[in-house]
N, C-alpha and C. Protein backbone atom coordinates (compact mmCIF):
# COMPACT_ATOMS: atom_id res chain seq x y z
N MET A 1 -8.48 22.89 15.21
CA MET A 1 -7.65 21.71 15.07
C MET A 1 -8.39 20.67 14.22
N GLN A 2 -7.68 20.07 13.28
CA GLN A 2 -8.29 19.09 12.39
C GLN A 2 -8.36 17.72 13.07
N PRO A 3 -9.39 16.96 12.71
CA PRO A 3 -9.42 15.59 13.21
C PRO A 3 -8.21 14.81 12.69
N PHE A 4 -7.74 13.87 13.49
CA PHE A 4 -6.53 13.12 13.16
C PHE A 4 -6.67 12.34 11.86
N PHE A 5 -7.85 11.75 11.62
CA PHE A 5 -8.04 10.90 10.46
C PHE A 5 -8.53 11.63 9.22
N LYS A 6 -8.64 12.96 9.28
CA LYS A 6 -9.12 13.70 8.12
C LYS A 6 -8.17 13.51 6.94
N GLY A 7 -8.71 13.12 5.81
CA GLY A 7 -7.92 12.89 4.62
C GLY A 7 -7.44 11.46 4.45
N PHE A 8 -7.59 10.64 5.48
CA PHE A 8 -7.11 9.27 5.42
C PHE A 8 -8.21 8.25 5.20
N GLY A 9 -9.43 8.70 4.93
CA GLY A 9 -10.55 7.78 4.75
C GLY A 9 -10.34 6.80 3.62
N ALA A 10 -9.86 7.29 2.48
CA ALA A 10 -9.61 6.41 1.33
C ALA A 10 -8.50 5.41 1.63
N ALA A 11 -7.45 5.86 2.33
CA ALA A 11 -6.34 4.95 2.66
C ALA A 11 -6.80 3.87 3.63
N ILE A 12 -7.61 4.24 4.60
CA ILE A 12 -8.12 3.25 5.57
C ILE A 12 -9.03 2.25 4.86
N ALA A 13 -9.91 2.75 3.99
CA ALA A 13 -10.80 1.86 3.24
C ALA A 13 -9.99 0.92 2.36
N TRP A 14 -8.94 1.43 1.70
CA TRP A 14 -8.11 0.60 0.84
C TRP A 14 -7.34 -0.44 1.65
N ALA A 15 -6.87 -0.07 2.84
CA ALA A 15 -6.18 -1.04 3.71
C ALA A 15 -7.13 -2.17 4.12
N ILE A 16 -8.38 -1.85 4.37
CA ILE A 16 -9.37 -2.89 4.70
C ILE A 16 -9.62 -3.79 3.50
N ILE A 17 -9.70 -3.20 2.31
CA ILE A 17 -9.89 -4.00 1.09
C ILE A 17 -8.69 -4.92 0.87
N ILE A 18 -7.49 -4.41 1.08
CA ILE A 18 -6.29 -5.24 0.95
C ILE A 18 -6.36 -6.41 1.91
N PHE A 19 -6.71 -6.14 3.15
CA PHE A 19 -6.79 -7.21 4.15
C PHE A 19 -7.82 -8.26 3.72
N ALA A 20 -8.97 -7.79 3.26
CA ALA A 20 -10.02 -8.73 2.83
C ALA A 20 -9.55 -9.58 1.65
N LEU A 21 -8.92 -8.94 0.66
CA LEU A 21 -8.47 -9.68 -0.52
C LEU A 21 -7.35 -10.67 -0.19
N CYS A 22 -6.52 -10.33 0.80
CA CYS A 22 -5.40 -11.20 1.16
C CYS A 22 -5.78 -12.32 2.10
N THR A 23 -6.99 -12.29 2.62
CA THR A 23 -7.38 -13.33 3.58
C THR A 23 -8.54 -14.21 3.12
N ILE A 24 -9.19 -13.88 2.01
CA ILE A 24 -10.31 -14.71 1.57
C ILE A 24 -9.80 -15.98 0.90
N HIS A 25 -10.65 -16.97 0.88
CA HIS A 25 -10.34 -18.24 0.24
C HIS A 25 -10.66 -18.10 -1.24
N LEU A 26 -9.64 -18.18 -2.09
CA LEU A 26 -9.82 -17.98 -3.52
C LEU A 26 -10.05 -19.27 -4.30
N GLY A 27 -9.88 -20.39 -3.68
CA GLY A 27 -10.11 -21.65 -4.39
C GLY A 27 -9.04 -21.90 -5.43
N SER A 28 -9.47 -22.22 -6.64
CA SER A 28 -8.54 -22.60 -7.70
C SER A 28 -8.27 -21.46 -8.67
N VAL A 29 -8.20 -20.25 -8.18
CA VAL A 29 -7.95 -19.10 -9.05
C VAL A 29 -6.57 -19.20 -9.69
N THR A 30 -5.60 -19.70 -8.96
CA THR A 30 -4.23 -19.75 -9.49
C THR A 30 -4.10 -20.71 -10.67
N SER A 31 -4.99 -21.68 -10.79
CA SER A 31 -4.91 -22.60 -11.93
C SER A 31 -5.75 -22.12 -13.11
N ASN A 32 -6.38 -20.98 -13.00
CA ASN A 32 -7.19 -20.42 -14.07
C ASN A 32 -6.27 -19.95 -15.21
N PRO A 33 -6.57 -20.31 -16.46
CA PRO A 33 -5.69 -19.91 -17.57
C PRO A 33 -5.69 -18.41 -17.86
N LEU A 34 -6.61 -17.66 -17.28
CA LEU A 34 -6.63 -16.21 -17.50
C LEU A 34 -5.49 -15.51 -16.77
N PHE A 35 -4.95 -16.14 -15.74
CA PHE A 35 -3.89 -15.53 -14.94
C PHE A 35 -2.55 -16.12 -15.33
N PHE A 36 -1.54 -15.27 -15.45
CA PHE A 36 -0.20 -15.72 -15.82
C PHE A 36 0.64 -15.91 -14.56
N ALA A 37 1.77 -16.56 -14.73
CA ALA A 37 2.69 -16.76 -13.61
C ALA A 37 3.17 -15.40 -13.12
N GLY A 38 3.09 -15.16 -11.85
CA GLY A 38 3.52 -13.89 -11.29
C GLY A 38 2.40 -12.87 -11.18
N PHE A 39 1.20 -13.23 -11.60
CA PHE A 39 0.07 -12.30 -11.51
C PHE A 39 -0.18 -11.89 -10.06
N ASP A 40 -0.04 -12.84 -9.15
CA ASP A 40 -0.24 -12.57 -7.72
C ASP A 40 0.73 -11.49 -7.23
N LYS A 41 1.98 -11.58 -7.67
CA LYS A 41 2.98 -10.59 -7.24
C LYS A 41 2.67 -9.21 -7.81
N LEU A 42 2.19 -9.17 -9.04
CA LEU A 42 1.80 -7.91 -9.66
C LEU A 42 0.64 -7.27 -8.90
N VAL A 43 -0.31 -8.08 -8.47
CA VAL A 43 -1.44 -7.57 -7.69
C VAL A 43 -0.97 -7.03 -6.35
N HIS A 44 -0.08 -7.76 -5.67
CA HIS A 44 0.47 -7.27 -4.39
C HIS A 44 1.17 -5.93 -4.59
N CYS A 45 1.98 -5.83 -5.62
CA CYS A 45 2.71 -4.60 -5.91
C CYS A 45 1.73 -3.45 -6.15
N GLY A 46 0.72 -3.67 -6.94
CA GLY A 46 -0.25 -2.63 -7.24
C GLY A 46 -1.06 -2.20 -6.04
N MET A 47 -1.45 -3.15 -5.21
CA MET A 47 -2.25 -2.81 -4.03
C MET A 47 -1.48 -1.91 -3.07
N PHE A 48 -0.21 -2.22 -2.86
CA PHE A 48 0.56 -1.44 -1.91
C PHE A 48 1.05 -0.13 -2.53
N PHE A 49 1.19 -0.08 -3.84
CA PHE A 49 1.45 1.19 -4.53
C PHE A 49 0.30 2.16 -4.26
N VAL A 50 -0.92 1.70 -4.47
CA VAL A 50 -2.10 2.54 -4.27
C VAL A 50 -2.21 2.97 -2.81
N LEU A 51 -1.92 2.06 -1.87
CA LEU A 51 -2.02 2.39 -0.45
C LEU A 51 -1.06 3.52 -0.07
N VAL A 52 0.17 3.47 -0.54
CA VAL A 52 1.13 4.52 -0.20
C VAL A 52 0.73 5.85 -0.84
N VAL A 53 0.23 5.82 -2.06
CA VAL A 53 -0.21 7.04 -2.70
C VAL A 53 -1.39 7.65 -1.94
N LEU A 54 -2.33 6.81 -1.52
CA LEU A 54 -3.48 7.31 -0.75
C LEU A 54 -3.03 7.87 0.61
N LEU A 55 -2.07 7.22 1.24
CA LEU A 55 -1.52 7.76 2.49
C LEU A 55 -0.83 9.10 2.24
N GLY A 56 -0.14 9.22 1.12
CA GLY A 56 0.51 10.48 0.78
C GLY A 56 -0.51 11.60 0.60
N PHE A 57 -1.60 11.32 -0.08
CA PHE A 57 -2.62 12.34 -0.24
C PHE A 57 -3.29 12.67 1.08
N GLY A 58 -3.42 11.69 1.96
CA GLY A 58 -3.92 11.97 3.30
C GLY A 58 -3.00 12.90 4.07
N LEU A 59 -1.69 12.64 3.96
CA LEU A 59 -0.72 13.53 4.59
C LEU A 59 -0.77 14.93 3.98
N LEU A 60 -1.01 14.98 2.69
CA LEU A 60 -1.12 16.27 2.00
C LEU A 60 -2.32 17.06 2.53
N VAL A 61 -3.43 16.39 2.73
CA VAL A 61 -4.62 17.06 3.27
C VAL A 61 -4.34 17.53 4.70
N GLN A 62 -3.66 16.70 5.48
CA GLN A 62 -3.35 17.06 6.87
C GLN A 62 -2.42 18.27 6.93
N SER A 63 -1.44 18.32 6.04
CA SER A 63 -0.43 19.38 6.14
C SER A 63 -0.80 20.62 5.36
N ARG A 64 -1.76 20.50 4.44
CA ARG A 64 -2.17 21.62 3.58
C ARG A 64 -0.99 22.22 2.83
N LEU A 65 -0.13 21.34 2.35
CA LEU A 65 1.06 21.72 1.57
C LEU A 65 2.07 22.54 2.36
N ASN A 66 1.98 22.54 3.66
CA ASN A 66 2.95 23.28 4.49
C ASN A 66 3.94 22.30 5.09
N GLY A 67 5.14 22.72 5.20
CA GLY A 67 6.15 21.94 5.90
C GLY A 67 6.72 20.81 5.07
N ASN A 68 7.52 20.00 5.70
CA ASN A 68 8.21 18.91 5.06
C ASN A 68 7.39 17.63 5.23
N MET A 69 6.96 17.07 4.13
CA MET A 69 6.17 15.84 4.16
C MET A 69 7.00 14.60 3.91
N ILE A 70 8.26 14.74 3.58
CA ILE A 70 9.05 13.60 3.14
C ILE A 70 9.20 12.57 4.26
N MET A 71 9.58 12.98 5.44
CA MET A 71 9.79 12.02 6.53
C MET A 71 8.49 11.32 6.93
N PRO A 72 7.36 12.04 7.10
CA PRO A 72 6.13 11.31 7.41
C PRO A 72 5.73 10.32 6.31
N LEU A 73 5.99 10.68 5.05
CA LEU A 73 5.65 9.78 3.96
C LEU A 73 6.56 8.56 3.95
N VAL A 74 7.84 8.75 4.23
CA VAL A 74 8.77 7.62 4.31
C VAL A 74 8.37 6.71 5.47
N LEU A 75 8.01 7.30 6.61
CA LEU A 75 7.56 6.50 7.75
C LEU A 75 6.29 5.73 7.41
N SER A 76 5.35 6.37 6.73
CA SER A 76 4.13 5.67 6.37
C SER A 76 4.41 4.56 5.36
N THR A 77 5.43 4.73 4.51
CA THR A 77 5.81 3.68 3.58
C THR A 77 6.32 2.46 4.33
N PHE A 78 7.17 2.68 5.32
CA PHE A 78 7.68 1.55 6.10
C PHE A 78 6.58 0.91 6.95
N LEU A 79 5.64 1.71 7.44
CA LEU A 79 4.50 1.14 8.15
C LEU A 79 3.63 0.30 7.21
N THR A 80 3.52 0.74 5.98
CA THR A 80 2.77 -0.02 4.98
C THR A 80 3.44 -1.36 4.71
N ILE A 81 4.76 -1.35 4.61
CA ILE A 81 5.50 -2.61 4.41
C ILE A 81 5.31 -3.51 5.63
N GLY A 82 5.32 -2.93 6.82
CA GLY A 82 5.04 -3.70 8.03
C GLY A 82 3.65 -4.31 8.02
N TYR A 83 2.69 -3.54 7.50
CA TYR A 83 1.32 -4.04 7.36
C TYR A 83 1.30 -5.25 6.42
N GLY A 84 2.05 -5.16 5.33
CA GLY A 84 2.17 -6.30 4.42
C GLY A 84 2.80 -7.50 5.11
N GLY A 85 3.79 -7.26 5.95
CA GLY A 85 4.42 -8.35 6.70
C GLY A 85 3.45 -9.00 7.67
N ILE A 86 2.63 -8.19 8.33
CA ILE A 86 1.63 -8.75 9.25
C ILE A 86 0.63 -9.61 8.48
N ILE A 87 0.21 -9.14 7.32
CA ILE A 87 -0.72 -9.93 6.52
C ILE A 87 -0.09 -11.26 6.11
N GLU A 88 1.18 -11.24 5.72
CA GLU A 88 1.86 -12.48 5.34
C GLU A 88 1.98 -13.44 6.52
N LEU A 89 2.27 -12.90 7.71
CA LEU A 89 2.32 -13.75 8.90
C LEU A 89 0.95 -14.35 9.22
N LEU A 90 -0.09 -13.54 9.09
CA LEU A 90 -1.44 -14.06 9.31
C LEU A 90 -1.80 -15.13 8.29
N GLN A 91 -1.39 -14.93 7.04
CA GLN A 91 -1.65 -15.94 6.02
C GLN A 91 -0.93 -17.24 6.34
N HIS A 92 0.27 -17.13 6.87
CA HIS A 92 1.07 -18.32 7.16
C HIS A 92 0.56 -19.08 8.38
N TYR A 93 0.20 -18.35 9.44
CA TYR A 93 -0.13 -19.00 10.70
C TYR A 93 -1.63 -19.10 10.99
N LEU A 94 -2.43 -18.17 10.52
CA LEU A 94 -3.84 -18.15 10.90
C LEU A 94 -4.76 -18.60 9.77
N PHE A 95 -4.57 -18.06 8.61
CA PHE A 95 -5.43 -18.40 7.47
C PHE A 95 -4.77 -19.54 6.70
N THR A 96 -5.07 -20.76 7.08
CA THR A 96 -4.36 -21.92 6.54
C THR A 96 -4.65 -22.18 5.08
N TRP A 97 -5.71 -21.59 4.54
CA TRP A 97 -6.01 -21.76 3.12
C TRP A 97 -5.16 -20.84 2.25
N ARG A 98 -4.40 -19.95 2.87
CA ARG A 98 -3.49 -19.06 2.15
C ARG A 98 -2.06 -19.39 2.59
N SER A 99 -1.10 -18.94 1.82
CA SER A 99 0.29 -19.18 2.21
C SER A 99 1.03 -17.85 2.28
N GLY A 100 1.70 -17.63 3.38
CA GLY A 100 2.53 -16.44 3.52
C GLY A 100 3.85 -16.67 2.81
N GLU A 101 4.23 -15.74 1.95
CA GLU A 101 5.44 -15.92 1.17
C GLU A 101 6.33 -14.68 1.25
N TRP A 102 7.64 -14.92 1.26
CA TRP A 102 8.59 -13.81 1.24
C TRP A 102 8.47 -13.04 -0.07
N ALA A 103 8.18 -13.74 -1.15
CA ALA A 103 8.05 -13.08 -2.45
C ALA A 103 6.88 -12.10 -2.45
N ASP A 104 5.81 -12.44 -1.75
CA ASP A 104 4.67 -11.52 -1.64
C ASP A 104 5.06 -10.27 -0.86
N LEU A 105 5.80 -10.47 0.24
CA LEU A 105 6.25 -9.32 1.02
C LEU A 105 7.20 -8.46 0.21
N PHE A 106 8.05 -9.08 -0.58
CA PHE A 106 8.95 -8.31 -1.45
C PHE A 106 8.14 -7.50 -2.46
N ALA A 107 7.12 -8.12 -3.05
CA ALA A 107 6.26 -7.41 -4.00
C ALA A 107 5.53 -6.26 -3.31
N ASP A 108 5.10 -6.47 -2.05
CA ASP A 108 4.48 -5.39 -1.28
C ASP A 108 5.44 -4.22 -1.11
N ALA A 109 6.70 -4.55 -0.77
CA ALA A 109 7.70 -3.50 -0.56
C ALA A 109 8.03 -2.77 -1.86
N VAL A 110 8.13 -3.49 -2.96
CA VAL A 110 8.39 -2.85 -4.25
C VAL A 110 7.26 -1.89 -4.59
N GLY A 111 6.02 -2.33 -4.40
CA GLY A 111 4.88 -1.46 -4.67
C GLY A 111 4.86 -0.24 -3.76
N ALA A 112 5.20 -0.44 -2.49
CA ALA A 112 5.22 0.68 -1.55
C ALA A 112 6.29 1.70 -1.94
N PHE A 113 7.48 1.23 -2.31
CA PHE A 113 8.53 2.16 -2.71
C PHE A 113 8.22 2.84 -4.05
N MET A 114 7.55 2.12 -4.94
CA MET A 114 7.11 2.75 -6.19
C MET A 114 6.10 3.86 -5.90
N GLY A 115 5.20 3.61 -4.95
CA GLY A 115 4.23 4.63 -4.55
C GLY A 115 4.91 5.82 -3.91
N LEU A 116 5.90 5.56 -3.06
CA LEU A 116 6.66 6.64 -2.43
C LEU A 116 7.35 7.49 -3.49
N PHE A 117 8.04 6.85 -4.41
CA PHE A 117 8.75 7.57 -5.45
C PHE A 117 7.77 8.40 -6.31
N SER A 118 6.68 7.78 -6.70
CA SER A 118 5.70 8.47 -7.54
C SER A 118 5.11 9.68 -6.83
N PHE A 119 4.76 9.49 -5.57
CA PHE A 119 4.17 10.60 -4.84
C PHE A 119 5.17 11.73 -4.64
N LEU A 120 6.42 11.40 -4.34
CA LEU A 120 7.42 12.44 -4.15
C LEU A 120 7.67 13.21 -5.44
N VAL A 121 7.68 12.52 -6.57
CA VAL A 121 7.86 13.21 -7.86
C VAL A 121 6.70 14.16 -8.10
N ILE A 122 5.48 13.69 -7.87
CA ILE A 122 4.29 14.54 -8.08
C ILE A 122 4.30 15.72 -7.11
N PHE A 123 4.63 15.47 -5.85
CA PHE A 123 4.64 16.53 -4.84
C PHE A 123 5.68 17.59 -5.18
N LYS A 124 6.88 17.16 -5.59
CA LYS A 124 7.92 18.14 -5.95
C LYS A 124 7.52 18.91 -7.21
N ALA A 125 6.88 18.24 -8.17
CA ALA A 125 6.45 18.93 -9.37
C ALA A 125 5.37 19.96 -9.05
N LEU A 126 4.45 19.62 -8.16
CA LEU A 126 3.41 20.57 -7.77
C LEU A 126 4.01 21.78 -7.05
N ASN A 127 4.99 21.54 -6.20
CA ASN A 127 5.64 22.65 -5.52
C ASN A 127 6.45 23.51 -6.49
N TYR A 128 7.03 22.89 -7.49
CA TYR A 128 7.79 23.63 -8.49
C TYR A 128 6.87 24.53 -9.31
N VAL A 129 5.71 24.01 -9.67
CA VAL A 129 4.74 24.79 -10.47
C VAL A 129 4.19 25.96 -9.65
N LYS A 130 4.02 25.78 -8.35
CA LYS A 130 3.48 26.85 -7.49
C LYS A 130 4.42 28.03 -7.42
N ARG A 131 5.72 27.81 -7.57
CA ARG A 131 6.70 28.89 -7.43
C ARG A 131 6.67 29.74 -8.61
């Protein structure tokens, strides 16, 4: 029997990095001319895209390409969006130097669904090539 967390090390590490980046005090980064309007949303989208892809590869390691992975991956995508919601609530109520925003949660969800779509396309293509 495989350990429960086998294959999920990268996803867990990335989730911790996301939490750290979303809770640190950034100071006046938003007024820096190197960043454009909406850069924050792009970062949220990218972070959650990577998280869902890493969760997908963790599920792939767990299942060893056997069985149906679509439902567990969809569930992990919604759990990822929930994780983004928890971070936004913490930013709003606990970390007063940050602001929880609906737009950030929307960007998290867009990134998560982009990751889901990308992983499903790659998974189906890999299964097609194996046949």
